[in-house]
Amino acid sequence: MEERKYFIKTYGCQMNERDTEIMGGQLDQLGFQATDRDNQADLIIINTCAVRGSAEQHAFGYIGQLKQLKDQHPHVKLAVAGCMAQEPGTIAWIKRYAPHVDLVFGTHNLHQLPKLLEEAEEREETLIDVWKTAGDVVEHLPSHRNDGVRAFVNIIYGCDKFCTYCIVPFTRGKERSRALAPIVAEVRALAQEGYQDITVLGQNVNSYGHDLDPQVDLADLLRSLEPIEGVRWLRYTTSHPRDFSQHLIDSIAASQKITHHVHLPVQSGSNAILKKMNRKYTQEYYMDLINRVKLAIDDVSLTTDIIVGFPGETESDFEDTLELMRKVRYDAAFTFIYSPREGTPAARWEGRDPVPDPIKKDRLNRLMELQYQISLEANQQLVGRTEVVLIEGLSRKDPNVWAGRTQSNKVVLVNRDSAVDLIDRFIPVRIEKAKTFYLGARQIGDPLSGPAPRRRVELPLL
């Protein structure tokens, strides 16, 4: 019997990437084999994201494109999963425009994938099984992880913040923390398998542990992971400024493994807009937090998320955001034009008090221009420094250049001087060139000792 193959198309954040690994693990146990080409698959799963309208449109477009493949190969099963599946509008769209989809399931019951596939096989119409609320945390699910030295580990699911622009609390549910002991056991097992760069995940990772008995927090968890042999770097995402505690700051400063990259999404520098966003902090609170982070953590690399064009945002509000950026001097910023999400309060306000599109685009351009200049100046200060870089692969533009990242998440390009495979190796480099989006460097020593790379690839000749 020919082995069945599966293909998973993933949109969105690291949480979605982790969900894809769990779905892949379940399919592996069912005897499926992963493929990186949808036209070779017997099962295609679209793991969707609902955070921004652009991600939804890409997913809808891909679902539509698959009708032709389904017509040519009727045996292929199509499934839609992820955050969009939790939205009633998506279900209505699939019923009307995409009856070729065989299965729809959401974020709360992905652990039931084997059962759902069996049920879908027995039905002629689309099987829709979406839980409106989340159940208990399910432990010990299998994973299909990519080879390498980096791994994601869930520590908390859901979000209770209810920012007025965000759909996540509705698609991911309330916050549910995993117990500390299973997380430590999972990371220890990953380290034994050769994973060295561990990122713990949550929609609001700083809320970890508040619902456990006894209570613990993210700092306690990271300190519990610190002694695990084989782990070189510890990361965490995504943070909310309101819950970024002094305990966590002090733990990062004292750690030898927690990276000095701190991502603190501010979203706006205007107190009026922050209040409308329900962020529950002020510009003054945020700046005090930034100052405490800078004071405690040497060579900290600060990044953020910013939304422009939020309903009712005035030019004065926007100028407050620019001024905050000048004060903080982020190493990088992820900037977005406000995208209405159906069912959120801000989507209703967009109809009453919108910012015109030309103004939104102008503000985004001005924001990016300022940030690019700050990013370049921050990178220029690193020229001459010695750093450790984790090589991720070859540059997409030049096969004679390695591409990797520092522990502070800076992109580094390193000349490839030999045929030695450095992918997934940690190497010492000296920074010799600074650009806005990357650093240029040369290798100054042998790869650091540690487990052998988990992935061998055929590299082009030098």
Protein backbone atom coordinates (compact mmCIF):
# COMPACT_ATOMS: atom_id res chain seq x y z
CA MET A 1 0.00 0.00 0.00
CA GLU A 2 1.41 3.39 -1.03
CA GLU A 3 2.18 5.69 1.89
CA ARG A 4 -0.19 8.63 2.25
CA LYS A 5 1.35 12.11 2.27
CA TYR A 6 0.34 15.34 3.98
CA PHE A 7 1.06 19.01 3.39
CA ILE A 8 0.35 21.80 5.91
CA LYS A 9 0.25 25.45 4.81
CA THR A 10 0.87 27.66 7.85
CA TYR A 11 -0.02 31.33 8.20
CA GLY A 12 0.65 33.60 11.18
CA CYS A 13 2.63 33.50 14.39
CA GLN A 14 4.92 31.04 16.14
CA MET A 15 1.91 29.61 17.99
CA ASN A 16 0.51 28.55 14.63
CA GLU A 17 3.87 27.08 13.67
CA ARG A 18 3.82 25.08 16.89
CA ASP A 19 0.24 23.91 16.20
CA THR A 20 1.43 22.73 12.79
CA GLU A 21 4.16 20.67 14.46
CA ILE A 22 1.55 19.02 16.70
CA MET A 23 -0.76 18.26 13.79
CA GLY A 24 2.21 16.85 11.89
CA GLY A 25 3.11 14.64 14.84
CA GLN A 26 -0.38 13.17 14.93
CA LEU A 27 -0.30 12.53 11.19
CA ASP A 28 3.09 10.85 11.50
CA GLN A 29 1.57 8.44 14.01
CA LEU A 30 -1.26 7.71 11.56
CA GLY A 31 1.32 6.61 8.99
CA PHE A 32 1.32 9.73 6.83
CA GLN A 33 4.56 11.12 5.38
CA ALA A 34 5.22 14.86 5.19
CA THR A 35 5.74 16.51 1.80
CA ASP A 36 6.63 20.09 0.92
CA ARG A 37 4.47 20.12 -2.23
CA ASP A 38 0.70 20.36 -2.05
CA ASN A 39 0.23 18.62 -5.42
CA GLN A 40 1.86 15.50 -3.98
CA ALA A 41 -0.32 15.33 -0.87
CA ASP A 42 -3.30 13.14 -0.04
CA LEU A 43 -4.19 15.50 2.80
CA ILE A 44 -3.78 19.30 2.77
CA ILE A 45 -4.34 21.34 5.94
CA ILE A 46 -4.49 25.14 5.83
CA ASN A 47 -3.53 26.43 9.30
CA THR A 48 -4.94 29.95 9.28
CA CYS A 49 -4.31 33.28 11.03
CA ALA A 50 -6.96 35.90 11.84
CA VAL A 51 -4.82 38.69 13.33
CA ARG A 52 -4.78 40.83 10.16
CA GLY A 53 -6.97 41.07 7.11
CA SER A 54 -4.07 40.40 4.75
CA ALA A 55 -3.43 36.98 6.33
CA GLU A 56 -7.10 36.08 5.97
CA GLN A 57 -7.20 37.12 2.31
CA HIS A 58 -4.10 35.03 1.54
CA ALA A 59 -5.74 32.02 3.19
CA PHE A 60 -9.06 32.51 1.37
CA GLY A 61 -7.15 32.83 -1.90
CA TYR A 62 -5.22 29.62 -1.30
CA ILE A 63 -8.39 27.71 -0.35
CA GLY A 64 -9.94 28.87 -3.62
CA GLN A 65 -6.91 27.78 -5.64
CA LEU A 66 -7.15 24.28 -4.21
CA LYS A 67 -10.50 23.66 -5.91
CA GLN A 68 -8.71 22.94 -9.18
CA LEU A 69 -6.42 20.42 -7.47
CA LYS A 70 -9.43 18.83 -5.77
CA ASP A 71 -11.28 18.56 -9.09
CA GLN A 72 -8.28 16.82 -10.64
CA HIS A 73 -7.66 14.56 -7.63
CA PRO A 74 -10.99 13.95 -5.82
CA HIS A 75 -9.36 11.61 -3.29
CA VAL A 76 -7.35 14.49 -1.77
CA LYS A 77 -8.77 15.67 1.56
CA LEU A 78 -8.74 19.41 2.34
CA ALA A 79 -8.94 20.73 5.90
CA VAL A 80 -9.07 24.28 7.28
CA ALA A 81 -7.76 24.81 10.80
CA GLY A 82 -6.45 27.60 13.03
CA CYS A 83 -7.80 30.95 14.17
CA MET A 84 -9.93 31.73 11.11
CA ALA A 85 -11.85 28.52 11.69
CA GLN A 86 -13.04 29.96 15.03
CA GLU A 87 -14.78 32.84 13.21
CA PRO A 88 -18.42 32.43 12.10
CA GLY A 89 -17.67 34.47 8.98
CA THR A 90 -15.12 31.90 7.83
CA ILE A 91 -17.57 29.05 8.30
CA ALA A 92 -20.20 30.92 6.28
CA TRP A 93 -17.67 31.66 3.51
CA ILE A 94 -16.60 28.00 3.26
CA LYS A 95 -20.21 26.82 3.10
CA ARG A 96 -20.96 29.27 0.29
CA TYR A 97 -17.75 29.44 -1.72
CA ALA A 98 -15.62 26.41 -0.80
CA PRO A 99 -17.70 23.24 -0.52
CA HIS A 100 -14.61 21.40 -1.77
CA VAL A 101 -13.23 21.69 1.79
CA ASP A 102 -13.75 18.39 3.61
CA LEU A 103 -13.02 19.36 7.22
CA VAL A 104 -13.00 22.51 9.36
CA PHE A 105 -11.70 22.44 12.93
CA GLY A 106 -10.41 25.11 15.29
CA THR A 107 -7.66 25.92 17.74
CA HIS A 108 -9.31 24.18 20.71
CA ASN A 109 -9.62 20.67 19.28
CA LEU A 110 -6.57 20.17 17.08
CA HIS A 111 -5.62 17.29 19.40
CA GLN A 112 -8.63 15.42 17.93
CA LEU A 113 -7.26 15.45 14.39
CA PRO A 114 -7.11 11.63 13.98
CA LYS A 115 -10.75 11.27 15.06
CA LEU A 116 -11.86 14.17 12.84
CA LEU A 117 -10.14 12.73 9.77
CA GLU A 118 -11.87 9.40 10.33
CA GLU A 119 -15.25 11.12 10.58
CA ALA A 120 -14.56 13.26 7.49
CA GLU A 121 -13.81 10.11 5.47
CA GLU A 122 -17.34 8.87 6.13
CA ARG A 123 -19.12 12.09 5.08
CA GLU A 124 -19.85 13.55 1.68
CA GLU A 125 -20.42 17.12 2.89
CA THR A 126 -18.01 19.35 4.83
CA LEU A 127 -17.47 18.26 8.43
CA ILE A 128 -17.40 21.33 10.68
CA ASP A 129 -16.25 20.67 14.26
CA VAL A 130 -15.22 23.90 15.97
CA TRP A 131 -15.29 24.22 19.75
CA LYS A 132 -16.44 27.63 20.96
CA THR A 133 -14.53 27.33 24.23
CA ALA A 134 -11.26 25.69 25.16
CA GLY A 135 -11.00 22.63 27.33
CA ASP A 136 -8.20 21.61 29.64
CA VAL A 137 -4.60 21.70 28.46
CA VAL A 138 -3.76 18.43 26.69
CA GLU A 139 -0.26 17.16 27.42
CA HIS A 140 1.98 14.60 25.69
CA LEU A 141 0.88 15.30 22.12
CA PRO A 142 3.34 14.11 19.47
CA SER A 143 5.27 16.63 17.37
CA HIS A 144 6.79 16.74 13.92
CA ARG A 145 9.60 19.21 14.57
CA ASN A 146 11.95 20.51 11.94
CA ASP A 147 15.49 19.26 12.17
CA GLY A 148 17.87 21.85 13.55
CA VAL A 149 18.77 23.25 16.93
CA ARG A 150 15.78 25.57 17.49
CA ALA A 151 12.50 24.47 19.06
CA PHE A 152 9.25 26.08 20.20
CA VAL A 153 7.59 25.06 23.48
CA ASN A 154 4.06 26.14 24.44
CA ILE A 155 3.73 27.32 28.04
CA ILE A 156 0.39 29.19 28.02
CA TYR A 157 -2.60 29.25 25.68
CA GLY A 158 -5.13 32.01 25.07
CA CYS A 159 -5.28 35.64 26.17
CA ASP A 160 -7.38 37.57 28.71
CA LYS A 161 -6.29 41.09 27.75
CA PHE A 162 -9.07 41.92 25.24
CA CYS A 163 -7.28 44.74 23.42
CA THR A 164 -10.05 46.41 21.43
CA TYR A 165 -8.42 45.74 18.04
CA CYS A 166 -7.50 42.09 18.66
CA ILE A 167 -9.40 38.93 17.76
CA VAL A 168 -7.06 36.54 19.61
CA PRO A 169 -9.08 36.21 22.87
CA PHE A 170 -12.03 35.08 20.73
CA THR A 171 -10.06 32.63 18.56
CA ARG A 172 -7.67 31.27 21.21
CA GLY A 173 -9.84 31.46 24.32
CA LYS A 174 -9.00 32.28 27.92
CA GLU A 175 -5.51 31.93 29.36
CA ARG A 176 -4.52 28.40 30.39
CA SER A 177 -1.03 27.70 31.70
CA ARG A 178 0.76 24.39 31.45
CA ALA A 179 2.14 23.04 34.70
CA LEU A 180 5.82 23.80 35.21
CA ALA A 181 7.04 20.20 35.53
CA PRO A 182 5.88 18.99 32.06
CA ILE A 183 7.48 22.05 30.45
CA VAL A 184 10.81 21.37 32.14
CA ALA A 185 10.61 17.71 31.13
CA GLU A 186 9.86 18.67 27.51
CA VAL A 187 12.79 21.08 27.31
CA ARG A 188 15.12 18.53 28.92
CA ALA A 189 14.07 15.95 26.32
CA LEU A 190 14.60 18.47 23.51
CA ALA A 191 18.08 19.25 24.80
CA GLN A 192 18.92 15.55 24.82
CA GLU A 193 17.81 15.41 21.17
CA GLY A 194 20.20 18.26 20.29
CA TYR A 195 17.95 21.33 20.39
CA GLN A 196 19.90 24.23 21.87
CA ASP A 197 17.87 27.38 21.08
CA ILE A 198 14.54 27.11 22.94
CA THR A 199 11.66 29.60 22.63
CA VAL A 200 8.78 29.36 25.10
CA LEU A 201 5.50 30.53 23.59
CA GLY A 202 2.28 32.19 24.60
CA GLN A 203 -0.11 34.80 23.24
CA ASN A 204 0.85 36.71 26.39
CA VAL A 205 3.82 34.79 27.71
CA ASN A 206 4.25 37.09 30.73
CA SER A 207 0.91 35.91 32.13
CA TYR A 208 2.30 32.41 32.56
CA GLY A 209 1.48 30.74 35.87
CA HIS A 210 -1.08 33.14 37.33
CA ASP A 211 -3.75 30.42 37.04
CA LEU A 212 -1.64 27.65 38.57
CA ASP A 213 -1.66 26.48 42.19
CA PRO A 214 0.82 27.24 43.59
CA GLN A 215 1.36 30.31 41.44
CA VAL A 216 4.59 30.69 39.48
CA ASP A 217 5.60 33.19 36.83
CA LEU A 218 7.67 33.35 33.65
CA ALA A 219 10.81 34.22 35.59
CA ASP A 220 10.37 31.12 37.76
CA LEU A 221 9.94 29.00 34.66
CA LEU A 222 12.99 30.39 32.87
CA ARG A 223 15.09 29.90 36.00
CA SER A 224 13.93 26.27 36.10
CA LEU A 225 15.07 25.82 32.50
CA GLU A 226 18.46 27.50 33.03
CA PRO A 227 20.29 24.46 34.50
CA ILE A 228 19.29 22.10 31.68
CA GLU A 229 22.47 20.85 30.04
CA GLY A 230 22.64 21.36 26.30
CA VAL A 231 20.42 24.44 26.15
CA ARG A 232 22.46 27.42 24.96
CA TRP A 233 19.82 30.14 24.43
CA LEU A 234 16.42 30.66 26.07
CA ARG A 235 13.86 32.94 24.41
CA TYR A 236 10.23 33.87 25.09
CA THR A 237 7.44 35.42 23.01
CA THR A 238 5.16 37.34 22.99
CA SER A 239 5.36 39.79 25.89
CA HIS A 240 2.80 42.33 27.10
CA PRO A 241 4.28 45.43 28.76
CA ARG A 242 1.67 45.36 31.54
CA ASP A 243 2.95 42.01 32.85
CA PHE A 244 6.70 42.45 32.28
CA SER A 245 7.77 42.28 35.93
CA GLN A 246 10.88 43.45 37.72
CA HIS A 247 11.33 39.81 38.76
CA LEU A 248 11.63 38.90 35.07
CA ILE A 249 14.00 41.80 34.35
CA ASP A 250 16.28 40.75 37.21
CA SER A 251 16.17 37.10 36.07
CA ILE A 252 17.22 38.03 32.54
CA ALA A 253 20.04 40.20 33.85
CA ALA A 254 21.37 37.38 36.05
CA SER A 255 21.01 34.60 33.48
CA GLN A 256 23.70 33.11 31.28
CA LYS A 257 21.16 31.68 28.83
CA ILE A 258 18.12 33.99 28.60
CA THR A 259 18.80 36.14 25.54
CA HIS A 260 19.05 39.92 25.78
CA HIS A 261 16.44 40.50 23.11
CA VAL A 262 13.37 42.10 24.70
CA HIS A 263 10.29 42.47 22.49
CA LEU A 264 7.78 44.85 24.09
CA PRO A 265 4.87 45.75 21.79
CA VAL A 266 3.87 49.35 22.58
CA GLN A 267 1.30 49.69 19.73
CA SER A 268 1.05 53.49 20.21
CA GLY A 269 2.82 56.32 21.99
CA SER A 270 -0.40 58.23 22.65
CA ASN A 271 -2.13 57.82 26.00
CA ALA A 272 -5.49 58.56 24.37
CA ILE A 273 -5.01 55.78 21.80
CA LEU A 274 -3.57 53.35 24.36
CA LYS A 275 -6.73 53.85 26.43
CA LYS A 276 -8.95 53.23 23.40
CA MET A 277 -6.89 50.12 22.65
CA ASN A 278 -7.47 48.88 26.24
CA ARG A 279 -3.73 48.34 26.67
CA LYS A 280 -4.00 49.24 30.40
CA TYR A 281 -0.76 51.18 30.58
CA THR A 282 0.32 54.72 29.77
CA GLN A 283 3.25 56.10 27.82
CA GLU A 284 4.81 57.07 31.16
CA TYR A 285 4.46 53.53 32.54
CA TYR A 286 5.96 52.09 29.36
CA MET A 287 8.94 54.48 29.40
CA ASP A 288 9.63 53.64 33.04
CA LEU A 289 9.63 49.94 32.11
CA ILE A 290 12.01 50.57 29.20
CA ASN A 291 14.37 52.51 31.44
CA ARG A 292 14.39 49.71 34.03
CA VAL A 293 15.12 47.16 31.29
CA LYS A 294 17.99 49.26 29.90
CA LEU A 295 19.43 49.85 33.36
CA ALA A 296 19.45 46.16 34.30
CA ILE A 297 20.24 44.27 31.08
CA ASP A 298 23.57 44.90 29.38
CA ASP A 299 23.49 45.41 25.60
CA VAL A 300 19.74 44.81 25.48
CA SER A 301 18.19 44.72 22.01
CA LEU A 302 14.71 46.28 22.09
CA THR A 303 12.03 45.64 19.49
CA THR A 304 8.34 46.46 19.35
CA ASP A 305 5.05 46.37 17.43
CA ILE A 306 3.27 49.59 16.39
CA ILE A 307 -0.13 50.14 14.79
CA VAL A 308 -0.84 53.34 12.84
CA GLY A 309 -4.24 54.58 11.76
CA PHE A 310 -6.20 53.25 14.73
CA PRO A 311 -9.74 54.70 14.65
CA GLY A 312 -9.66 58.28 15.90
CA GLU A 313 -5.85 58.61 15.79
CA THR A 314 -4.99 62.28 15.28
CA GLU A 315 -1.78 63.80 13.98
CA SER A 316 -0.93 64.72 17.58
CA ASP A 317 -1.42 61.08 18.65
CA PHE A 318 0.86 59.96 15.86
CA GLU A 319 3.52 62.52 16.81
CA ASP A 320 3.46 61.05 20.34
CA THR A 321 4.34 57.68 18.80
CA LEU A 322 7.23 59.17 16.82
CA GLU A 323 8.52 60.90 19.94
CA LEU A 324 8.40 57.65 21.92
CA MET A 325 10.40 55.93 19.19
CA ARG A 326 13.04 58.68 19.35
CA LYS A 327 13.31 58.20 23.12
CA VAL A 328 13.40 54.39 23.19
CA ARG A 329 15.52 53.92 20.05
CA TYR A 330 14.34 50.43 19.16
CA ASP A 331 16.68 48.14 17.29
CA ALA A 332 13.73 47.21 15.08
CA ALA A 333 9.97 47.71 14.93
CA PHE A 334 7.21 45.68 13.31
CA THR A 335 4.85 48.32 11.96
CA PHE A 336 1.30 47.83 10.70
CA ILE A 337 -1.63 49.81 9.38
CA TYR A 338 -4.69 49.17 11.54
CA SER A 339 -6.72 46.23 10.21
CA PRO A 340 -10.35 45.94 11.41
CA ARG A 341 -11.25 42.56 12.88
CA GLU A 342 -14.93 41.65 12.77
CA GLY A 343 -16.40 41.30 16.25
CA THR A 344 -13.94 43.63 18.00
CA PRO A 345 -14.94 47.05 19.43
CA ALA A 346 -12.41 48.86 17.24
CA ALA A 347 -14.02 47.48 14.09
CA ARG A 348 -17.20 49.32 15.03
CA TRP A 349 -15.27 52.53 15.67
CA GLU A 350 -13.60 52.23 12.25
CA GLY A 351 -16.97 52.89 10.67
CA ARG A 352 -17.59 56.00 12.79
CA ASP A 353 -14.15 57.60 13.07
CA PRO A 354 -11.80 56.17 10.44
CA VAL A 355 -8.39 57.51 9.52
CA PRO A 356 -8.34 58.02 5.72
CA ASP A 357 -6.18 55.49 3.87
CA PRO A 358 -3.78 58.08 2.39
CA ILE A 359 -3.07 59.38 5.91
CA LYS A 360 -2.55 55.85 7.22
CA LYS A 361 -0.03 55.12 4.47
CA ASP A 362 1.76 58.44 4.99
CA ARG A 363 2.07 57.80 8.72
CA LEU A 364 3.37 54.29 8.13
CA ASN A 365 6.02 55.62 5.73
CA ARG A 366 7.11 58.31 8.19
CA LEU A 367 7.25 55.77 11.01
CA MET A 368 9.35 53.37 8.95
CA GLU A 369 11.70 56.12 7.77
CA LEU A 370 12.43 57.11 11.37
CA GLN A 371 12.87 53.50 12.50
CA TYR A 372 15.19 52.64 9.61
CA GLN A 373 17.51 55.48 10.58
CA ILE A 374 17.51 54.41 14.24
CA SER A 375 18.10 50.76 13.26
CA LEU A 376 21.09 51.71 11.12
CA GLU A 377 22.62 53.79 13.90
CA ALA A 378 22.11 50.96 16.41
CA ASN A 379 23.79 48.47 14.07
CA GLN A 380 26.70 50.84 13.41
CA GLN A 381 27.51 50.75 17.13
CA LEU A 382 28.15 47.01 16.85
CA VAL A 383 30.93 47.26 14.26
CA GLY A 384 34.13 45.80 15.75
CA ARG A 385 32.25 43.68 18.28
CA THR A 386 32.66 39.93 18.68
CA GLU A 387 29.39 37.99 18.64
CA VAL A 388 28.18 34.40 18.57
CA VAL A 389 25.94 33.66 15.58
CA LEU A 390 23.64 30.71 14.99
CA ILE A 391 23.88 29.93 11.27
CA GLU A 392 20.44 29.28 9.78
CA GLY A 393 21.39 28.66 6.15
CA LEU A 394 22.80 30.23 3.03
CA SER A 395 21.89 33.74 2.00
CA ARG A 396 18.99 33.76 -0.46
CA LYS A 397 20.95 36.21 -2.63
CA ASP A 398 24.44 34.73 -2.47
CA PRO A 399 25.37 31.03 -2.00
CA ASN A 400 28.83 32.12 -0.84
CA VAL A 401 27.41 33.82 2.25
CA TRP A 402 26.00 32.29 5.42
CA ALA A 403 22.97 33.87 7.10
CA GLY A 404 22.33 33.65 10.83
CA ARG A 405 21.28 35.49 13.97
CA THR A 406 22.84 36.64 17.20
CA GLN A 407 21.30 35.91 20.58
CA SER A 408 19.80 39.42 20.40
CA ASN A 409 18.08 38.41 17.12
CA LYS A 410 20.26 40.53 14.81
CA VAL A 411 20.56 39.17 11.27
CA VAL A 412 24.21 38.54 10.35
CA LEU A 413 25.73 37.62 6.98
CA VAL A 414 29.06 35.80 7.14
CA ASN A 415 31.38 35.05 4.21
CA ARG A 416 31.52 31.34 3.44
CA ASP A 417 35.23 30.60 3.35
CA SER A 418 35.19 26.80 3.21
CA ALA A 419 33.04 23.83 2.24
CA VAL A 420 32.36 23.01 5.92
CA ASP A 421 28.62 22.83 6.62
CA LEU A 422 27.87 25.41 9.33
CA ILE A 423 24.07 25.19 9.27
CA ASP A 424 22.73 24.96 12.85
CA ARG A 425 26.18 25.64 14.28
CA PHE A 426 27.10 28.45 16.66
CA ILE A 427 30.17 30.33 15.43
CA PRO A 428 32.16 33.30 16.75
CA VAL A 429 32.31 36.27 14.38
CA ARG A 430 33.58 39.83 14.27
CA ILE A 431 31.13 42.46 13.01
CA GLU A 432 32.70 44.41 10.15
CA LYS A 433 29.78 46.12 8.40
CA ALA A 434 26.44 47.61 9.44
CA LYS A 435 23.35 48.00 7.28
CA THR A 436 19.79 48.87 8.25
CA PHE A 437 18.53 45.29 8.27
CA TYR A 438 21.65 43.20 8.79
CA LEU A 439 25.25 43.06 9.93
CA GLY A 440 28.21 41.85 7.87
CA ALA A 441 30.80 39.71 9.68
CA ARG A 442 33.66 37.26 9.30
CA GLN A 443 34.19 34.04 11.19
CA ILE A 444 37.04 34.26 13.71
CA GLY A 445 37.08 30.76 15.18
CA ASP A 446 35.83 27.21 15.03
CA PRO A 447 32.17 26.37 15.75
CA LEU A 448 31.43 26.25 19.45
CA SER A 449 31.41 22.83 21.06
CA GLY A 450 28.06 21.14 21.48
CA PRO A 451 25.82 18.54 19.85
CA ALA A 452 26.37 17.88 16.16
CA PRO A 453 23.94 19.56 13.73
CA ARG A 454 20.64 17.72 13.44
CA ARG A 455 20.34 18.48 9.74
CA ARG A 456 22.68 17.65 6.90
CA VAL A 457 22.11 19.42 3.62
CA GLU A 458 23.71 19.30 0.21
CA LEU A 459 25.45 22.64 -0.29
CA PRO A 460 26.46 24.24 -3.59
CA LEU A 461 30.15 24.09 -4.41
CA LEU A 462 32.27 27.13 -3.59
